[in-house]
Structure formats: C-alpha cells, structure tokens
Amino acid sequence: MALDRISTSGLSAQSRVVENVAHNISQLNVENPLLIRTRLRSEAVPPAGPGGVRAESEMAQRLASGPVLSPDLQESFVRDEVDLGQELTNALSARRAFDANLAVERTYRDFFEATLNLGA
C-alpha cells in the first residue's frame, strides 16, 4: 500500500507544479506579475511516515520594477520577471515525473489485480 500512496503523492505534486508553471506563463506580459514557485519536499518513508512527495507553493519575491515605458511600447513588451525558459523546463520535468509516477501506479494496480486473481 505504501507504493500506491507514494506514486499518488507524486502525481499530485507534479500536477501542482504544472498548475504553477501555467500561472507563471500567464503572467508573462503583466506589468506587476505575481509569480509562484513550487518546492517539492519528501515525506518520511514508511513506517515512520506516509512516504512520497509534497508540493508547496509560495509567492516569489517581487523584483524591483523596471523602467517606465511609453504607453505605445507597453502592450508589446515582454517583461524579464518571467523566465520562460525555466518555466518550460519545469513543465517538461514535471511531465516526465508525472509519467514515471503514473507508470508506477499502473504497475501497482496490475500487480494487485493479478494477486486477487490467483485464487480464481
């Protein structure tokens, strides 16, 4: 049962990472973006704890405001506060981790079903 809880916590944590990445990317052209950073923390392993990983979201520190732009340029200006390369890297990493946890979940389910069918 611990393996099931661990993979489920991984799925949940990586979903949170993707949600925060999507939020940060949506702030790309906002004048004062509110960015969210995600910290992944490991839980104590069984029997001391449930095991797995927990995602914690926190607001990133605001950077000092940039130069004041003329109104003509403000609409097309992409601000430096959002690091698009880092956000896309975080999204790809979260996808790979999500896929790995999903594979563990499916393998666990198949193993559990095979165990139930031993007596049949």
N, C-alpha and C. Protein backbone atom coordinates (compact mmCIF):
# COMPACT_ATOMS: atom_id res chain seq x y z
N MET A 1 0.81 -1.20 0.00
CA MET A 1 0.00 0.00 0.00
C MET A 1 0.85 1.26 0.00
N ALA A 2 2.05 1.20 0.55
CA ALA A 2 2.90 2.40 0.59
C ALA A 2 3.27 2.85 -0.81
N LEU A 3 3.51 1.90 -1.70
CA LEU A 3 3.88 2.26 -3.06
C LEU A 3 2.76 3.03 -3.74
N ASP A 4 1.53 2.63 -3.48
CA ASP A 4 0.38 3.33 -4.04
C ASP A 4 0.30 4.77 -3.52
N ARG A 5 0.50 4.97 -2.23
CA ARG A 5 0.45 6.32 -1.65
C ARG A 5 1.59 7.18 -2.17
N ILE A 6 2.76 6.58 -2.32
CA ILE A 6 3.91 7.34 -2.79
C ILE A 6 3.70 7.81 -4.23
N SER A 7 3.25 6.92 -5.10
CA SER A 7 3.04 7.32 -6.50
C SER A 7 1.89 8.31 -6.63
N THR A 8 0.85 8.15 -5.81
CA THR A 8 -0.27 9.10 -5.84
C THR A 8 0.18 10.48 -5.38
N SER A 9 1.03 10.54 -4.37
CA SER A 9 1.52 11.84 -3.91
C SER A 9 2.40 12.48 -4.99
N GLY A 10 3.15 11.66 -5.73
CA GLY A 10 3.97 12.18 -6.83
C GLY A 10 3.11 12.75 -7.94
N LEU A 11 2.01 12.07 -8.28
CA LEU A 11 1.09 12.57 -9.29
C LEU A 11 0.50 13.91 -8.87
N SER A 12 0.09 13.99 -7.62
CA SER A 12 -0.49 15.23 -7.11
C SER A 12 0.52 16.37 -7.10
N ALA A 13 1.74 16.08 -6.67
CA ALA A 13 2.77 17.11 -6.59
C ALA A 13 3.13 17.64 -7.98
N GLN A 14 3.27 16.75 -8.95
CA GLN A 14 3.63 17.20 -10.29
C GLN A 14 2.48 17.95 -10.96
N SER A 15 1.25 17.60 -10.61
CA SER A 15 0.11 18.38 -11.12
C SER A 15 0.17 19.80 -10.59
N ARG A 16 0.56 19.95 -9.32
CA ARG A 16 0.69 21.28 -8.73
C ARG A 16 1.78 22.07 -9.43
N VAL A 17 2.90 21.42 -9.75
CA VAL A 17 3.99 22.10 -10.46
C VAL A 17 3.49 22.64 -11.80
N VAL A 18 2.75 21.82 -12.55
CA VAL A 18 2.26 22.24 -13.86
C VAL A 18 1.26 23.39 -13.71
N GLU A 19 0.41 23.35 -12.69
CA GLU A 19 -0.53 24.45 -12.46
C GLU A 19 0.22 25.75 -12.20
N ASN A 20 1.28 25.68 -11.40
CA ASN A 20 2.06 26.89 -11.09
C ASN A 20 2.82 27.39 -12.31
N VAL A 21 3.32 26.49 -13.13
CA VAL A 21 4.00 26.89 -14.37
C VAL A 21 3.02 27.60 -15.28
N ALA A 22 1.82 27.04 -15.41
CA ALA A 22 0.80 27.68 -16.26
C ALA A 22 0.46 29.07 -15.74
N HIS A 23 0.36 29.21 -14.43
CA HIS A 23 0.09 30.52 -13.85
C HIS A 23 1.22 31.50 -14.19
N ASN A 24 2.45 31.06 -14.00
CA ASN A 24 3.59 31.95 -14.26
C ASN A 24 3.68 32.36 -15.72
N ILE A 25 3.41 31.43 -16.63
CA ILE A 25 3.44 31.78 -18.05
C ILE A 25 2.33 32.76 -18.37
N SER A 26 1.19 32.63 -17.70
CA SER A 26 0.10 33.57 -17.95
C SER A 26 0.44 34.98 -17.47
N GLN A 27 1.44 35.11 -16.63
CA GLN A 27 1.87 36.40 -16.11
C GLN A 27 2.97 37.03 -16.98
N LEU A 28 3.24 36.43 -18.13
CA LEU A 28 4.36 36.85 -18.98
C LEU A 28 4.29 38.32 -19.38
N ASN A 29 3.13 38.83 -19.68
CA ASN A 29 3.02 40.20 -20.17
C ASN A 29 2.23 41.08 -19.20
N VAL A 30 2.29 40.74 -17.92
CA VAL A 30 1.61 41.51 -16.89
C VAL A 30 2.61 42.49 -16.28
N GLU A 31 2.16 43.68 -16.01
CA GLU A 31 3.07 44.72 -15.53
C GLU A 31 3.71 44.38 -14.18
N ASN A 32 2.93 43.92 -13.23
CA ASN A 32 3.46 43.50 -11.93
C ASN A 32 3.07 42.05 -11.69
N PRO A 33 3.82 41.11 -12.27
CA PRO A 33 3.41 39.71 -12.19
C PRO A 33 3.52 39.15 -10.77
N LEU A 34 2.58 38.28 -10.43
CA LEU A 34 2.62 37.54 -9.19
C LEU A 34 3.06 36.13 -9.54
N LEU A 35 4.32 35.83 -9.31
CA LEU A 35 4.87 34.53 -9.69
C LEU A 35 4.81 33.57 -8.51
N ILE A 36 4.61 32.30 -8.84
CA ILE A 36 4.53 31.26 -7.83
C ILE A 36 5.69 30.29 -8.04
N ARG A 37 6.37 29.97 -6.99
CA ARG A 37 7.44 28.98 -7.02
C ARG A 37 6.96 27.73 -6.29
N THR A 38 7.38 26.58 -6.75
CA THR A 38 6.98 25.31 -6.15
C THR A 38 8.20 24.64 -5.55
N ARG A 39 8.07 24.23 -4.30
CA ARG A 39 9.11 23.45 -3.64
C ARG A 39 8.58 22.04 -3.43
N LEU A 40 9.36 21.06 -3.82
CA LEU A 40 8.99 19.67 -3.60
C LEU A 40 9.74 19.17 -2.37
N ARG A 41 9.00 18.64 -1.43
CA ARG A 41 9.59 18.13 -0.18
C ARG A 41 9.24 16.65 -0.04
N SER A 42 10.24 15.87 0.34
CA SER A 42 9.98 14.44 0.54
C SER A 42 9.41 14.21 1.93
N GLU A 43 8.51 13.26 2.00
CA GLU A 43 7.91 12.86 3.27
C GLU A 43 8.74 11.73 3.85
N ALA A 44 8.61 11.51 5.15
CA ALA A 44 9.30 10.40 5.80
C ALA A 44 8.80 9.08 5.21
N VAL A 45 9.72 8.16 5.01
CA VAL A 45 9.36 6.88 4.40
C VAL A 45 8.68 5.98 5.41
N PRO A 46 7.83 5.05 4.93
CA PRO A 46 7.15 4.13 5.85
C PRO A 46 8.18 3.29 6.60
N PRO A 47 7.95 2.92 7.82
CA PRO A 47 6.75 3.09 8.63
C PRO A 47 6.72 4.41 9.41
N ALA A 48 7.74 5.23 9.31
CA ALA A 48 7.77 6.50 10.06
C ALA A 48 6.79 7.52 9.52
N GLY A 49 6.44 7.44 8.28
CA GLY A 49 5.54 8.42 7.67
C GLY A 49 4.88 7.83 6.44
N PRO A 50 4.12 8.65 5.75
CA PRO A 50 3.40 8.13 4.58
C PRO A 50 4.28 7.92 3.35
N GLY A 51 5.42 8.58 3.31
CA GLY A 51 6.27 8.48 2.14
C GLY A 51 5.77 9.38 1.02
N GLY A 52 6.55 9.49 -0.02
CA GLY A 52 6.13 10.28 -1.16
C GLY A 52 6.71 11.68 -1.14
N VAL A 53 6.03 12.55 -1.85
CA VAL A 53 6.50 13.92 -2.02
C VAL A 53 5.33 14.87 -1.82
N ARG A 54 5.63 16.06 -1.35
CA ARG A 54 4.61 17.08 -1.13
C ARG A 54 5.05 18.34 -1.86
N ALA A 55 4.13 18.98 -2.56
CA ALA A 55 4.42 20.22 -3.27
C ALA A 55 3.94 21.39 -2.42
N GLU A 56 4.81 22.36 -2.24
CA GLU A 56 4.46 23.58 -1.51
C GLU A 56 4.61 24.76 -2.45
N SER A 57 3.57 25.57 -2.55
CA SER A 57 3.61 26.75 -3.41
C SER A 57 3.89 27.98 -2.56
N GLU A 58 4.69 28.86 -3.09
CA GLU A 58 4.97 30.12 -2.39
C GLU A 58 5.11 31.23 -3.42
N MET A 59 4.70 32.40 -3.01
CA MET A 59 4.83 33.56 -3.90
C MET A 59 6.30 33.93 -3.99
N ALA A 60 6.76 34.17 -5.19
CA ALA A 60 8.15 34.56 -5.41
C ALA A 60 8.33 36.02 -5.00
N GLN A 61 9.54 36.37 -4.65
CA GLN A 61 9.84 37.74 -4.29
C GLN A 61 9.65 38.62 -5.51
N ARG A 62 9.03 39.76 -5.29
CA ARG A 62 8.88 40.72 -6.41
C ARG A 62 10.22 41.36 -6.71
N LEU A 63 10.49 41.46 -7.97
CA LEU A 63 11.69 42.16 -8.40
C LEU A 63 11.41 43.65 -8.41
N ALA A 64 12.46 44.40 -8.32
CA ALA A 64 12.29 45.86 -8.42
C ALA A 64 11.66 46.19 -9.77
N SER A 65 10.80 47.16 -9.77
CA SER A 65 10.12 47.49 -11.02
C SER A 65 11.12 47.99 -12.05
N GLY A 66 10.85 47.64 -13.28
CA GLY A 66 11.73 48.01 -14.37
C GLY A 66 11.50 49.44 -14.80
N PRO A 67 12.10 49.81 -15.90
CA PRO A 67 11.94 51.18 -16.38
C PRO A 67 10.50 51.42 -16.83
N VAL A 68 10.07 52.65 -16.71
CA VAL A 68 8.73 53.03 -17.16
C VAL A 68 8.77 53.19 -18.66
N LEU A 69 7.87 52.49 -19.32
CA LEU A 69 7.84 52.51 -20.78
C LEU A 69 6.76 53.44 -21.27
N SER A 70 6.93 53.89 -22.46
CA SER A 70 5.89 54.72 -23.06
C SER A 70 4.67 53.84 -23.31
N PRO A 71 3.48 54.39 -23.27
CA PRO A 71 2.26 53.59 -23.48
C PRO A 71 2.25 52.86 -24.82
N ASP A 72 2.94 53.38 -25.81
CA ASP A 72 2.97 52.73 -27.12
C ASP A 72 3.70 51.40 -27.07
N LEU A 73 4.72 51.31 -26.22
CA LEU A 73 5.53 50.10 -26.13
C LEU A 73 5.01 49.10 -25.11
N GLN A 74 4.25 49.54 -24.14
CA GLN A 74 3.85 48.66 -23.05
C GLN A 74 3.06 47.45 -23.51
N GLU A 75 2.25 47.57 -24.51
CA GLU A 75 1.42 46.45 -24.95
C GLU A 75 2.24 45.32 -25.56
N SER A 76 3.35 45.63 -26.20
CA SER A 76 4.12 44.59 -26.87
C SER A 76 5.37 44.19 -26.10
N PHE A 77 5.56 44.73 -24.94
CA PHE A 77 6.78 44.47 -24.18
C PHE A 77 6.64 43.21 -23.33
N VAL A 78 7.58 42.29 -23.45
CA VAL A 78 7.61 41.09 -22.62
C VAL A 78 8.58 41.36 -21.48
N ARG A 79 8.10 41.22 -20.27
CA ARG A 79 8.91 41.58 -19.11
C ARG A 79 9.91 40.49 -18.75
N ASP A 80 10.96 40.89 -18.05
CA ASP A 80 12.03 39.98 -17.68
C ASP A 80 11.73 39.17 -16.43
N GLU A 81 10.67 39.49 -15.70
CA GLU A 81 10.40 38.81 -14.44
C GLU A 81 10.08 37.33 -14.65
N VAL A 82 9.47 36.99 -15.76
CA VAL A 82 9.10 35.61 -16.05
C VAL A 82 10.19 35.00 -16.92
N ASP A 83 10.87 33.99 -16.40
CA ASP A 83 11.90 33.29 -17.14
C ASP A 83 11.24 32.15 -17.92
N LEU A 84 10.90 32.42 -19.17
CA LEU A 84 10.14 31.47 -19.97
C LEU A 84 10.89 30.15 -20.16
N GLY A 85 12.19 30.23 -20.35
CA GLY A 85 12.99 29.01 -20.50
C GLY A 85 12.92 28.13 -19.26
N GLN A 86 13.02 28.74 -18.09
CA GLN A 86 12.94 27.99 -16.84
C GLN A 86 11.55 27.40 -16.64
N GLU A 87 10.53 28.17 -16.97
CA GLU A 87 9.16 27.68 -16.79
C GLU A 87 8.89 26.49 -17.70
N LEU A 88 9.35 26.54 -18.95
CA LEU A 88 9.15 25.42 -19.86
C LEU A 88 9.96 24.21 -19.43
N THR A 89 11.15 24.44 -18.89
CA THR A 89 11.95 23.34 -18.35
C THR A 89 11.23 22.69 -17.17
N ASN A 90 10.65 23.50 -16.29
CA ASN A 90 9.89 22.97 -15.16
C ASN A 90 8.70 22.15 -15.64
N ALA A 91 8.03 22.62 -16.69
CA ALA A 91 6.87 21.89 -17.23
C ALA A 91 7.29 20.54 -17.81
N LEU A 92 8.39 20.51 -18.55
CA LEU A 92 8.86 19.25 -19.12
C LEU A 92 9.30 18.28 -18.04
N SER A 93 9.99 18.79 -17.04
CA SER A 93 10.43 17.96 -15.93
C SER A 93 9.24 17.38 -15.17
N ALA A 94 8.23 18.21 -14.94
CA ALA A 94 7.03 17.75 -14.24
C ALA A 94 6.31 16.69 -15.06
N ARG A 95 6.29 16.86 -16.37
CA ARG A 95 5.63 15.87 -17.23
C ARG A 95 6.32 14.52 -17.14
N ARG A 96 7.65 14.54 -17.17
CA ARG A 96 8.40 13.28 -17.08
C ARG A 96 8.18 12.61 -15.72
N ALA A 97 8.19 13.40 -14.66
CA ALA A 97 7.96 12.85 -13.33
C ALA A 97 6.53 12.32 -13.20
N PHE A 98 5.57 13.04 -13.78
CA PHE A 98 4.17 12.59 -13.76
C PHE A 98 4.05 11.25 -14.48
N ASP A 99 4.67 11.14 -15.66
CA ASP A 99 4.62 9.89 -16.42
C ASP A 99 5.24 8.73 -15.64
N ALA A 100 6.35 9.00 -14.95
CA ALA A 100 7.01 7.95 -14.16
C ALA A 100 6.11 7.50 -13.01
N ASN A 101 5.49 8.45 -12.33
CA ASN A 101 4.59 8.09 -11.23
C ASN A 101 3.36 7.35 -11.74
N LEU A 102 2.88 7.73 -12.90
CA LEU A 102 1.73 7.06 -13.50
C LEU A 102 2.08 5.61 -13.87
N ALA A 103 3.29 5.39 -14.36
CA ALA A 103 3.72 4.04 -14.68
C ALA A 103 3.79 3.18 -13.42
N VAL A 104 4.27 3.74 -12.33
CA VAL A 104 4.31 3.02 -11.05
C VAL A 104 2.89 2.69 -10.60
N GLU A 105 2.00 3.64 -10.72
CA GLU A 105 0.60 3.44 -10.31
C GLU A 105 -0.05 2.32 -11.13
N ARG A 106 0.17 2.33 -12.43
CA ARG A 106 -0.41 1.29 -13.29
C ARG A 106 0.19 -0.09 -12.98
N THR A 107 1.50 -0.14 -12.76
CA THR A 107 2.15 -1.41 -12.43
C THR A 107 1.63 -1.94 -11.10
N TYR A 108 1.46 -1.07 -10.13
CA TYR A 108 0.94 -1.47 -8.83
C TYR A 108 -0.48 -2.03 -8.98
N ARG A 109 -1.31 -1.35 -9.78
CA ARG A 109 -2.69 -1.80 -9.99
C ARG A 109 -2.71 -3.17 -10.68
N ASP A 110 -1.86 -3.34 -11.71
CA ASP A 110 -1.80 -4.64 -12.40
C ASP A 110 -1.34 -5.74 -11.47
N PHE A 111 -0.36 -5.45 -10.62
CA PHE A 111 0.13 -6.43 -9.65
C PHE A 111 -0.98 -6.79 -8.66
N PHE A 112 -1.70 -5.79 -8.19
CA PHE A 112 -2.78 -6.01 -7.23
C PHE A 112 -3.89 -6.86 -7.85
N GLU A 113 -4.27 -6.57 -9.09
CA GLU A 113 -5.30 -7.36 -9.78
C GLU A 113 -4.83 -8.80 -10.00
N ALA A 114 -3.56 -8.98 -10.37
CA ALA A 114 -3.03 -10.34 -10.57
C ALA A 114 -3.04 -11.11 -9.26
N THR A 115 -2.75 -10.45 -8.16
CA THR A 115 -2.77 -11.10 -6.85
C THR A 115 -4.18 -11.53 -6.49
N LEU A 116 -5.17 -10.70 -6.78
CA LEU A 116 -6.55 -11.06 -6.50
C LEU A 116 -7.02 -12.24 -7.35
N ASN A 117 -6.50 -12.35 -8.55
CA ASN A 117 -6.92 -13.41 -9.46
C ASN A 117 -6.20 -14.73 -9.25
N LEU A 118 -5.28 -14.79 -8.28
CA LEU A 118 -4.55 -16.04 -8.03
C LEU A 118 -5.49 -17.16 -7.56
N GLY A 119 -6.49 -16.80 -6.78
CA GLY A 119 -7.40 -17.82 -6.25
C GLY A 119 -8.48 -18.22 -7.23
N ALA A 120 -8.61 -17.52 -8.32
CA ALA A 120 -9.71 -17.81 -9.26
C ALA A 120 -9.41 -18.94 -10.18
